[in-house]
Amino acid sequence: MTSTSDFADQLRTAQLRVTRPRVAVLEAVYAHPHADTETIFGAVRTGLPDVSRQAVYDVLHALTAAGLVRRIQPSGSVARYESRVGDNHHHLVCRNCGAIADVDCAVGEAPCLTPADDGGFVLDEAEVTYWGLCPDCSAEQLSRSQP
């Protein structure tokens, strides 16, 4: 479990000023993997009831820019935030309930994929989203299809 002092150290290392909203947002992102902004806002408000929605948006932007959190947005979904950064992992997304799970790269190191033609780009990341049904939704679908 990461403590408040660990979050403060992360902020200092990223050369960000340590503030209560920044620490609270980091805590919320760690506590709620793949959470949307509303979930993070709600979690932050439990400890800081006067924090504004705009402050949470601003903090998420600053933390993402500093590389302390990662913003993901599967097609058709709102933006989500996670604390697992720097390892270029991918995601599994349930088509039914929207659950998201991390999946490690199957081959090699970042960017985990090699395009046929890189167009002169220097690649450092590849984003792959696997779509399907999570175990709960696939079990539910299977039980509905059986007589």
C-alpha atoms as a PDB file:
ATOM      1  CA  MET A   1       0.000   0.000   0.000  1.00  0.00           C
ATOM      2  CA  THR A   2       1.354   3.405  -0.922  1.00  0.00           C
ATOM      3  CA  SER A   3       1.316   6.069   1.785  1.00  0.00           C
ATOM      4  CA  THR A   4       0.736   9.810   1.681  1.00  0.00           C
ATOM      5  CA  SER A   5       4.494  10.388   2.064  1.00  0.00           C
ATOM      6  CA  ASP A   6       5.116   8.091  -0.940  1.00  0.00           C
ATOM      7  CA  PHE A   7       2.699  10.186  -3.026  1.00  0.00           C
ATOM      8  CA  ALA A   8       4.417  13.380  -1.857  1.00  0.00           C
ATOM      9  CA  ASP A   9       7.787  11.895  -2.860  1.00  0.00           C
ATOM     10  CA  GLN A  10       6.415  11.004  -6.304  1.00  0.00           C
ATOM     11  CA  LEU A  11       5.217  14.572  -6.769  1.00  0.00           C
ATOM     12  CA  ARG A  12       8.567  16.018  -5.689  1.00  0.00           C
ATOM     13  CA  THR A  13      10.468  13.640  -7.976  1.00  0.00           C
ATOM     14  CA  ALA A  14       8.281  14.826 -10.868  1.00  0.00           C
ATOM     15  CA  GLN A  15       9.071  18.415  -9.824  1.00  0.00           C
ATOM     16  CA  LEU A  16       5.459  19.108  -8.921  1.00  0.00           C
ATOM     17  CA  ARG A  17       4.475  21.054  -5.830  1.00  0.00           C
ATOM     18  CA  VAL A  18       2.961  18.862  -3.127  1.00  0.00           C
ATOM     19  CA  THR A  19      -0.637  19.941  -2.492  1.00  0.00           C
ATOM     20  CA  ARG A  20      -3.521  18.209  -0.756  1.00  0.00           C
ATOM     21  CA  PRO A  21      -5.546  17.895  -3.998  1.00  0.00           C
ATOM     22  CA  ARG A  22      -2.589  16.353  -5.860  1.00  0.00           C
ATOM     23  CA  VAL A  23      -1.958  13.835  -3.096  1.00  0.00           C
ATOM     24  CA  ALA A  24      -5.684  13.047  -2.874  1.00  0.00           C
ATOM     25  CA  VAL A  25      -5.989  12.494  -6.639  1.00  0.00           C
ATOM     26  CA  LEU A  26      -2.932  10.207  -6.665  1.00  0.00           C
ATOM     27  CA  GLU A  27      -4.430   8.240  -3.760  1.00  0.00           C
ATOM     28  CA  ALA A  28      -7.736   7.926  -5.640  1.00  0.00           C
ATOM     29  CA  VAL A  29      -6.073   6.732  -8.852  1.00  0.00           C
ATOM     30  CA  TYR A  30      -4.099   4.092  -6.923  1.00  0.00           C
ATOM     31  CA  ALA A  31      -7.212   3.010  -5.009  1.00  0.00           C
ATOM     32  CA  HIS A  32      -9.440   2.812  -8.104  1.00  0.00           C
ATOM     33  CA  PRO A  33      -7.556   1.351 -11.098  1.00  0.00           C
ATOM     34  CA  HIS A  34      -9.014   2.373 -14.471  1.00  0.00           C
ATOM     35  CA  ALA A  35     -11.376   4.847 -12.811  1.00  0.00           C
ATOM     36  CA  ASP A  36     -13.147   7.574 -14.733  1.00  0.00           C
ATOM     37  CA  THR A  37     -12.999  11.213 -13.687  1.00  0.00           C
ATOM     38  CA  GLU A  38     -16.314  11.065 -11.818  1.00  0.00           C
ATOM     39  CA  THR A  39     -15.125   8.154  -9.675  1.00  0.00           C
ATOM     40  CA  ILE A  40     -11.860   9.919  -8.913  1.00  0.00           C
ATOM     41  CA  PHE A  41     -13.713  13.152  -8.127  1.00  0.00           C
ATOM     42  CA  GLY A  42     -16.029  11.308  -5.724  1.00  0.00           C
ATOM     43  CA  ALA A  43     -13.106   9.610  -3.978  1.00  0.00           C
ATOM     44  CA  VAL A  44     -11.233  12.903  -3.618  1.00  0.00           C
ATOM     45  CA  ARG A  45     -14.328  14.668  -2.245  1.00  0.00           C
ATOM     46  CA  THR A  46     -14.584  12.180   0.634  1.00  0.00           C
ATOM     47  CA  GLY A  47     -11.339  13.556   2.073  1.00  0.00           C
ATOM     48  CA  LEU A  48     -11.472  17.071   0.614  1.00  0.00           C
ATOM     49  CA  PRO A  49     -15.157  18.040   0.447  1.00  0.00           C
ATOM     50  CA  ASP A  50     -14.421  21.552  -0.839  1.00  0.00           C
ATOM     51  CA  VAL A  51     -12.298  20.514  -3.835  1.00  0.00           C
ATOM     52  CA  SER A  52     -13.773  21.593  -7.148  1.00  0.00           C
ATOM     53  CA  ARG A  53     -14.340  19.398 -10.164  1.00  0.00           C
ATOM     54  CA  GLN A  54     -12.069  21.717 -12.169  1.00  0.00           C
ATOM     55  CA  ALA A  55      -9.263  21.267  -9.618  1.00  0.00           C
ATOM     56  CA  VAL A  56      -9.486  17.486 -10.044  1.00  0.00           C
ATOM     57  CA  TYR A  57      -9.395  17.850 -13.843  1.00  0.00           C
ATOM     58  CA  ASP A  58      -6.372  20.149 -13.563  1.00  0.00           C
ATOM     59  CA  VAL A  59      -4.561  17.761 -11.232  1.00  0.00           C
ATOM     60  CA  LEU A  60      -5.250  14.777 -13.498  1.00  0.00           C
ATOM     61  CA  HIS A  61      -3.857  16.757 -16.429  1.00  0.00           C
ATOM     62  CA  ALA A  62      -0.715  17.713 -14.469  1.00  0.00           C
ATOM     63  CA  LEU A  63      -0.167  14.157 -13.192  1.00  0.00           C
ATOM     64  CA  THR A  64      -0.617  12.728 -16.690  1.00  0.00           C
ATOM     65  CA  ALA A  65       1.786  15.282 -18.202  1.00  0.00           C
ATOM     66  CA  ALA A  66       4.340  14.442 -15.490  1.00  0.00           C
ATOM     67  CA  GLY A  67       4.003  10.711 -16.198  1.00  0.00           C
ATOM     68  CA  LEU A  68       2.690   9.844 -12.739  1.00  0.00           C
ATOM     69  CA  VAL A  69      -0.625   8.526 -14.072  1.00  0.00           C
ATOM     70  CA  ARG A  70      -1.684   7.210 -17.454  1.00  0.00           C
ATOM     71  CA  ARG A  71      -4.832   8.282 -19.264  1.00  0.00           C
ATOM     72  CA  ILE A  72      -6.530   5.635 -21.381  1.00  0.00           C
ATOM     73  CA  GLN A  73      -9.693   5.942 -23.418  1.00  0.00           C
ATOM     74  CA  PRO A  74     -10.995   2.777 -25.033  1.00  0.00           C
ATOM     75  CA  SER A  75     -13.173   3.453 -28.073  1.00  0.00           C
ATOM     76  CA  GLY A  76     -16.656   4.532 -27.044  1.00  0.00           C
ATOM     77  CA  SER A  77     -15.645   5.053 -23.420  1.00  0.00           C
ATOM     78  CA  VAL A  78     -14.867   8.046 -21.237  1.00  0.00           C
ATOM     79  CA  ALA A  79     -11.258   8.682 -20.239  1.00  0.00           C
ATOM     80  CA  ARG A  80      -9.920   6.459 -17.484  1.00  0.00           C
ATOM     81  CA  TYR A  81      -6.818   6.858 -15.326  1.00  0.00           C
ATOM     82  CA  GLU A  82      -4.397   4.339 -13.912  1.00  0.00           C
ATOM     83  CA  SER A  83      -1.267   4.361 -11.796  1.00  0.00           C
ATOM     84  CA  ARG A  84       0.553   1.690 -13.782  1.00  0.00           C
ATOM     85  CA  VAL A  85       2.870   3.778 -15.960  1.00  0.00           C
ATOM     86  CA  GLY A  86       6.053   3.281 -17.919  1.00  0.00           C
ATOM     87  CA  ASP A  87       5.714  -0.368 -18.826  1.00  0.00           C
ATOM     88  CA  ASN A  88       3.631  -0.112 -22.022  1.00  0.00           C
ATOM     89  CA  HIS A  89       1.093  -2.723 -20.950  1.00  0.00           C
ATOM     90  CA  HIS A  90      -2.189  -3.185 -22.792  1.00  0.00           C
ATOM     91  CA  HIS A  91      -5.835  -3.567 -21.780  1.00  0.00           C
ATOM     92  CA  LEU A  92      -8.706  -6.024 -21.949  1.00  0.00           C
ATOM     93  CA  VAL A  93     -12.137  -4.372 -22.171  1.00  0.00           C
ATOM     94  CA  CYS A  94     -15.484  -6.085 -21.658  1.00  0.00           C
ATOM     95  CA  ARG A  95     -17.944  -5.199 -24.418  1.00  0.00           C
ATOM     96  CA  ASN A  96     -20.865  -5.753 -22.059  1.00  0.00           C
ATOM     97  CA  CYS A  97     -20.068  -4.099 -18.697  1.00  0.00           C
ATOM     98  CA  GLY A  98     -17.020  -2.014 -19.612  1.00  0.00           C
ATOM     99  CA  ALA A  99     -14.686  -3.658 -17.088  1.00  0.00           C
ATOM    100  CA  ILE A 100     -11.017  -3.046 -17.877  1.00  0.00           C
ATOM    101  CA  ALA A 101      -8.081  -5.262 -16.944  1.00  0.00           C
ATOM    102  CA  ASP A 102      -4.359  -4.911 -17.560  1.00  0.00           C
ATOM    103  CA  VAL A 103      -2.506  -7.384 -19.762  1.00  0.00           C
ATOM    104  CA  ASP A 104       1.256  -7.468 -20.169  1.00  0.00           C
ATOM    105  CA  CYS A 105       2.939  -7.248 -23.545  1.00  0.00           C
ATOM    106  CA  ALA A 106       2.939 -10.615 -25.263  1.00  0.00           C
ATOM    107  CA  VAL A 107       6.165 -10.140 -27.189  1.00  0.00           C
ATOM    108  CA  GLY A 108       9.271  -8.110 -26.572  1.00  0.00           C
ATOM    109  CA  GLU A 109       9.781  -4.812 -24.845  1.00  0.00           C
ATOM    110  CA  ALA A 110       8.194  -1.423 -25.425  1.00  0.00           C
ATOM    111  CA  PRO A 111       6.680  -0.646 -27.804  1.00  0.00           C
ATOM    112  CA  CYS A 112       5.804  -4.403 -27.887  1.00  0.00           C
ATOM    113  CA  LEU A 113       4.876  -4.271 -31.560  1.00  0.00           C
ATOM    114  CA  THR A 114       6.916  -3.631 -34.656  1.00  0.00           C
ATOM    115  CA  PRO A 115       5.048  -2.049 -37.569  1.00  0.00           C
ATOM    116  CA  ALA A 116       5.804  -3.055 -41.143  1.00  0.00           C
ATOM    117  CA  ASP A 117       6.759   0.586 -41.823  1.00  0.00           C
ATOM    118  CA  ASP A 118       7.457   3.080 -39.036  1.00  0.00           C
ATOM    119  CA  GLY A 119       7.253   6.052 -41.437  1.00  0.00           C
ATOM    120  CA  GLY A 120      10.408   7.507 -39.948  1.00  0.00           C
ATOM    121  CA  PHE A 121       8.886   7.764 -36.470  1.00  0.00           C
ATOM    122  CA  VAL A 122      10.917   6.855 -33.393  1.00  0.00           C
ATOM    123  CA  LEU A 123       8.466   4.551 -31.631  1.00  0.00           C
ATOM    124  CA  ASP A 124       8.277   4.383 -27.855  1.00  0.00           C
ATOM    125  CA  GLU A 125       4.801   3.025 -27.198  1.00  0.00           C
ATOM    126  CA  ALA A 126       2.124   0.864 -28.765  1.00  0.00           C
ATOM    127  CA  GLU A 127      -1.464   0.802 -27.561  1.00  0.00           C
ATOM    128  CA  VAL A 128      -3.433  -2.372 -27.943  1.00  0.00           C
ATOM    129  CA  THR A 129      -6.961  -2.902 -26.690  1.00  0.00           C
ATOM    130  CA  TYR A 130      -8.392  -6.390 -26.611  1.00  0.00           C
ATOM    131  CA  TRP A 131     -12.191  -6.551 -26.664  1.00  0.00           C
ATOM    132  CA  GLY A 132     -14.413  -9.382 -25.449  1.00  0.00           C
ATOM    133  CA  LEU A 133     -16.506 -10.428 -22.474  1.00  0.00           C
ATOM    134  CA  CYS A 134     -15.180 -10.509 -18.919  1.00  0.00           C
ATOM    135  CA  PRO A 135     -15.590 -13.769 -16.954  1.00  0.00           C
ATOM    136  CA  ASP A 136     -18.775 -12.560 -15.202  1.00  0.00           C
ATOM    137  CA  CYS A 137     -20.472 -11.387 -18.406  1.00  0.00           C
ATOM    138  CA  SER A 138     -19.468 -14.479 -20.390  1.00  0.00           C
ATOM    139  CA  ALA A 139     -20.804 -16.747 -17.617  1.00  0.00           C
ATOM    140  CA  GLU A 140     -24.042 -14.753 -17.541  1.00  0.00           C
ATOM    141  CA  GLN A 141     -24.376 -14.984 -21.318  1.00  0.00           C
ATOM    142  CA  LEU A 142     -23.717 -18.732 -21.213  1.00  0.00           C
ATOM    143  CA  SER A 143     -26.312 -19.266 -18.478  1.00  0.00           C
ATOM    144  CA  ARG A 144     -28.928 -17.319 -20.485  1.00  0.00           C
ATOM    145  CA  SER A 145     -28.294 -19.424 -23.596  1.00  0.00           C
ATOM    146  CA  GLN A 146     -28.810 -22.734 -21.795  1.00  0.00           C
ATOM    147  CA  PRO A 147     -32.373 -24.046 -21.463  1.00  0.00           C
END
